[in-house]
Amino acid sequence: MAETEKYEKASVFEQIKQGLEQSLANVRGELTLRTTVLVSPPPSASPMRVRSLRRRLKMSQSLFASTLNVSPKLVQSWEQGTRKPGRGDLRLIQIIESDPRVIDALFAPAGKRPAAARAGRDRPRAARRSPAAA
């Protein structure tokens, strides 16, 4: 029987006892336990923080909303403090704040993207041309 199966079939008391024994063995250096470091949640965004980021990027509420893939009304409500950004939105705000060039890398015209942003494209060159260029 595998170690995991033994553990799962043990009583709650036995599981706690085994965990405490392993913890003590780890402290003594007799056992190395696997540890996982979790990514910390994104910092909260006050209305002033959202507004100042948008202004620093010289974006309208509509353009900023489009960049984050949310509605302009939602950005407006963040800036007025009636709503708070969700966790995904907070992470995007954090990324853009830390390196605003990420916006240029993602949204620049196909021919003007940095080499790193172009590397992942798999479409043929003809498919990338805009209709106006044809």
C-alpha atoms as a PDB file:
ATOM      1  CA  MET A   1       0.000   0.000   0.000  1.00  0.00           C
ATOM      2  CA  ALA A   2       1.402   3.397  -0.979  1.00  0.00           C
ATOM      3  CA  GLU A   3       2.289   5.946   1.708  1.00  0.00           C
ATOM      4  CA  THR A   4      -0.501   8.269   0.529  1.00  0.00           C
ATOM      5  CA  GLU A   5      -3.113   5.530   0.806  1.00  0.00           C
ATOM      6  CA  LYS A   6      -1.985   4.684   4.354  1.00  0.00           C
ATOM      7  CA  TYR A   7      -2.238   8.320   5.329  1.00  0.00           C
ATOM      8  CA  GLU A   8      -5.714   8.730   3.815  1.00  0.00           C
ATOM      9  CA  LYS A   9      -7.020   5.593   5.563  1.00  0.00           C
ATOM     10  CA  ALA A  10      -5.643   6.649   8.953  1.00  0.00           C
ATOM     11  CA  SER A  11      -7.867   8.291  11.540  1.00  0.00           C
ATOM     12  CA  VAL A  12      -7.761  12.059  11.967  1.00  0.00           C
ATOM     13  CA  PHE A  13      -5.827  11.574  15.206  1.00  0.00           C
ATOM     14  CA  GLU A  14      -3.214   9.435  13.425  1.00  0.00           C
ATOM     15  CA  GLN A  15      -2.907  11.985  10.605  1.00  0.00           C
ATOM     16  CA  ILE A  16      -2.337  14.825  13.092  1.00  0.00           C
ATOM     17  CA  LYS A  17       0.141  12.702  15.071  1.00  0.00           C
ATOM     18  CA  GLN A  18       2.072  11.822  11.902  1.00  0.00           C
ATOM     19  CA  GLY A  19       2.125  15.481  10.851  1.00  0.00           C
ATOM     20  CA  LEU A  20       3.485  16.574  14.231  1.00  0.00           C
ATOM     21  CA  GLU A  21       6.135  13.833  14.182  1.00  0.00           C
ATOM     22  CA  GLN A  22       7.221  14.900  10.683  1.00  0.00           C
ATOM     23  CA  SER A  23       7.324  18.523  11.785  1.00  0.00           C
ATOM     24  CA  LEU A  24       9.594  17.663  14.731  1.00  0.00           C
ATOM     25  CA  ALA A  25      11.830  15.554  12.492  1.00  0.00           C
ATOM     26  CA  ASN A  26      12.072  18.468  10.074  1.00  0.00           C
ATOM     27  CA  VAL A  27      13.089  20.865  12.859  1.00  0.00           C
ATOM     28  CA  ARG A  28      15.771  18.401  14.015  1.00  0.00           C
ATOM     29  CA  GLY A  29      17.074  18.119  10.448  1.00  0.00           C
ATOM     30  CA  GLU A  30      16.148  14.427  10.216  1.00  0.00           C
ATOM     31  CA  LEU A  31      13.590  15.001   7.454  1.00  0.00           C
ATOM     32  CA  THR A  32      13.246  17.549   4.696  1.00  0.00           C
ATOM     33  CA  LEU A  33       9.628  18.428   4.024  1.00  0.00           C
ATOM     34  CA  ARG A  34       8.475  19.754   0.688  1.00  0.00           C
ATOM     35  CA  THR A  35       7.404  23.365   0.947  1.00  0.00           C
ATOM     36  CA  THR A  36       5.479  25.516  -1.467  1.00  0.00           C
ATOM     37  CA  VAL A  37       5.706  29.277  -1.633  1.00  0.00           C
ATOM     38  CA  LEU A  38       2.434  30.861  -2.692  1.00  0.00           C
ATOM     39  CA  VAL A  39       2.297  34.062  -4.695  1.00  0.00           C
ATOM     40  CA  SER A  40       1.002  36.874  -2.549  1.00  0.00           C
ATOM     41  CA  PRO A  41      -2.310  38.424  -3.577  1.00  0.00           C
ATOM     42  CA  PRO A  42      -2.150  41.679  -5.532  1.00  0.00           C
ATOM     43  CA  PRO A  43      -2.234  44.886  -3.502  1.00  0.00           C
ATOM     44  CA  SER A  44      -5.556  46.669  -3.243  1.00  0.00           C
ATOM     45  CA  ALA A  45      -6.165  49.660  -5.477  1.00  0.00           C
ATOM     46  CA  SER A  46      -7.648  52.824  -4.070  1.00  0.00           C
ATOM     47  CA  PRO A  47      -9.642  55.130  -6.347  1.00  0.00           C
ATOM     48  CA  MET A  48      -6.691  57.540  -6.333  1.00  0.00           C
ATOM     49  CA  ARG A  49      -4.240  54.792  -7.324  1.00  0.00           C
ATOM     50  CA  VAL A  50      -6.374  53.705 -10.301  1.00  0.00           C
ATOM     51  CA  ARG A  51      -6.904  57.299 -11.427  1.00  0.00           C
ATOM     52  CA  SER A  52      -3.240  58.251 -11.078  1.00  0.00           C
ATOM     53  CA  LEU A  53      -2.094  55.162 -13.020  1.00  0.00           C
ATOM     54  CA  ARG A  54      -4.543  55.897 -15.821  1.00  0.00           C
ATOM     55  CA  ARG A  55      -3.450  59.538 -15.972  1.00  0.00           C
ATOM     56  CA  ARG A  56       0.232  58.612 -15.834  1.00  0.00           C
ATOM     57  CA  LEU A  57      -0.376  56.373 -18.859  1.00  0.00           C
ATOM     58  CA  LYS A  58      -2.185  59.298 -20.555  1.00  0.00           C
ATOM     59  CA  MET A  59      -5.253  57.150 -21.210  1.00  0.00           C
ATOM     60  CA  SER A  60      -8.918  58.006 -21.202  1.00  0.00           C
ATOM     61  CA  GLN A  61     -11.204  55.876 -19.053  1.00  0.00           C
ATOM     62  CA  SER A  62     -12.410  54.135 -22.214  1.00  0.00           C
ATOM     63  CA  LEU A  63      -8.914  53.285 -23.420  1.00  0.00           C
ATOM     64  CA  PHE A  64      -7.822  52.148 -19.956  1.00  0.00           C
ATOM     65  CA  ALA A  65     -10.948  49.986 -19.711  1.00  0.00           C
ATOM     66  CA  SER A  66     -10.233  48.475 -23.115  1.00  0.00           C
ATOM     67  CA  THR A  67      -6.663  47.712 -22.064  1.00  0.00           C
ATOM     68  CA  LEU A  68      -7.915  45.855 -18.968  1.00  0.00           C
ATOM     69  CA  ASN A  69     -10.794  44.270 -20.917  1.00  0.00           C
ATOM     70  CA  VAL A  70     -13.462  45.809 -18.671  1.00  0.00           C
ATOM     71  CA  SER A  71     -16.212  48.356 -19.297  1.00  0.00           C
ATOM     72  CA  PRO A  72     -15.570  52.107 -19.090  1.00  0.00           C
ATOM     73  CA  LYS A  73     -18.363  52.338 -16.476  1.00  0.00           C
ATOM     74  CA  LEU A  74     -16.445  49.889 -14.299  1.00  0.00           C
ATOM     75  CA  VAL A  75     -13.272  51.990 -14.482  1.00  0.00           C
ATOM     76  CA  GLN A  76     -15.355  55.063 -13.666  1.00  0.00           C
ATOM     77  CA  SER A  77     -16.848  53.326 -10.622  1.00  0.00           C
ATOM     78  CA  TRP A  78     -13.342  52.277  -9.452  1.00  0.00           C
ATOM     79  CA  GLU A  79     -12.190  55.881  -9.683  1.00  0.00           C
ATOM     80  CA  GLN A  80     -15.251  57.130  -7.820  1.00  0.00           C
ATOM     81  CA  GLY A  81     -14.827  54.485  -5.143  1.00  0.00           C
ATOM     82  CA  THR A  82     -18.254  52.901  -5.616  1.00  0.00           C
ATOM     83  CA  ARG A  83     -16.703  49.571  -6.674  1.00  0.00           C
ATOM     84  CA  LYS A  84     -13.368  47.864  -6.117  1.00  0.00           C
ATOM     85  CA  PRO A  85     -11.317  46.037  -8.755  1.00  0.00           C
ATOM     86  CA  GLY A  86     -11.491  42.249  -8.624  1.00  0.00           C
ATOM     87  CA  ARG A  87      -8.422  40.095  -8.011  1.00  0.00           C
ATOM     88  CA  GLY A  88      -7.697  39.600 -11.716  1.00  0.00           C
ATOM     89  CA  ASP A  89      -8.059  43.312 -12.385  1.00  0.00           C
ATOM     90  CA  LEU A  90      -5.812  44.096  -9.423  1.00  0.00           C
ATOM     91  CA  ARG A  91      -3.121  41.781 -10.800  1.00  0.00           C
ATOM     92  CA  LEU A  92      -3.289  43.479 -14.212  1.00  0.00           C
ATOM     93  CA  ILE A  93      -3.086  46.907 -12.571  1.00  0.00           C
ATOM     94  CA  GLN A  94      -0.065  45.709 -10.582  1.00  0.00           C
ATOM     95  CA  ILE A  95       1.674  44.407 -13.724  1.00  0.00           C
ATOM     96  CA  ILE A  96       1.003  47.602 -15.678  1.00  0.00           C
ATOM     97  CA  GLU A  97       2.183  49.745 -12.750  1.00  0.00           C
ATOM     98  CA  SER A  98       5.412  47.781 -12.419  1.00  0.00           C
ATOM     99  CA  ASP A  99       6.218  47.931 -16.145  1.00  0.00           C
ATOM    100  CA  PRO A 100       3.992  50.128 -18.347  1.00  0.00           C
ATOM    101  CA  ARG A 101       5.932  48.929 -21.422  1.00  0.00           C
ATOM    102  CA  VAL A 102       3.941  45.702 -21.230  1.00  0.00           C
ATOM    103  CA  ILE A 103       1.033  47.621 -22.794  1.00  0.00           C
ATOM    104  CA  ASP A 104       3.175  48.592 -25.786  1.00  0.00           C
ATOM    105  CA  ALA A 105       4.426  45.025 -26.131  1.00  0.00           C
ATOM    106  CA  LEU A 106       0.881  43.652 -26.220  1.00  0.00           C
ATOM    107  CA  PHE A 107      -0.972  46.294 -28.200  1.00  0.00           C
ATOM    108  CA  ALA A 108       1.550  47.774 -30.626  1.00  0.00           C
ATOM    109  CA  PRO A 109       0.843  47.229 -34.335  1.00  0.00           C
ATOM    110  CA  ALA A 110       2.178  43.884 -35.564  1.00  0.00           C
ATOM    111  CA  GLY A 111       5.133  45.384 -37.447  1.00  0.00           C
ATOM    112  CA  LYS A 112       6.202  47.562 -34.522  1.00  0.00           C
ATOM    113  CA  ARG A 113       6.129  45.030 -31.685  1.00  0.00           C
ATOM    114  CA  PRO A 114       9.359  44.345 -29.805  1.00  0.00           C
ATOM    115  CA  ALA A 115      11.130  41.163 -30.948  1.00  0.00           C
ATOM    116  CA  ALA A 116      10.187  39.308 -27.753  1.00  0.00           C
ATOM    117  CA  ALA A 117       6.488  39.983 -28.359  1.00  0.00           C
ATOM    118  CA  ARG A 118       6.726  38.867 -31.996  1.00  0.00           C
ATOM    119  CA  ALA A 119       8.512  35.610 -31.198  1.00  0.00           C
ATOM    120  CA  GLY A 120       5.358  33.745 -30.164  1.00  0.00           C
ATOM    121  CA  ARG A 121       3.338  34.475 -33.302  1.00  0.00           C
ATOM    122  CA  ASP A 122       2.565  31.523 -35.508  1.00  0.00           C
ATOM    123  CA  ARG A 123       0.406  33.148 -38.183  1.00  0.00           C
ATOM    124  CA  PRO A 124       1.821  33.487 -41.695  1.00  0.00           C
ATOM    125  CA  ARG A 125       3.025  36.971 -42.635  1.00  0.00           C
ATOM    126  CA  ALA A 126       0.202  37.529 -45.158  1.00  0.00           C
ATOM    127  CA  ALA A 127      -2.440  36.889 -42.469  1.00  0.00           C
ATOM    128  CA  ARG A 128      -0.927  39.601 -40.256  1.00  0.00           C
ATOM    129  CA  ARG A 129      -1.383  42.401 -42.775  1.00  0.00           C
ATOM    130  CA  SER A 130      -4.142  44.852 -42.099  1.00  0.00           C
ATOM    131  CA  PRO A 131      -6.954  45.201 -44.650  1.00  0.00           C
ATOM    132  CA  ALA A 132      -5.848  48.774 -45.360  1.00  0.00           C
ATOM    133  CA  ALA A 133      -2.379  47.574 -46.424  1.00  0.00           C
ATOM    134  CA  ALA A 134      -3.812  45.172 -49.024  1.00  0.00           C
END
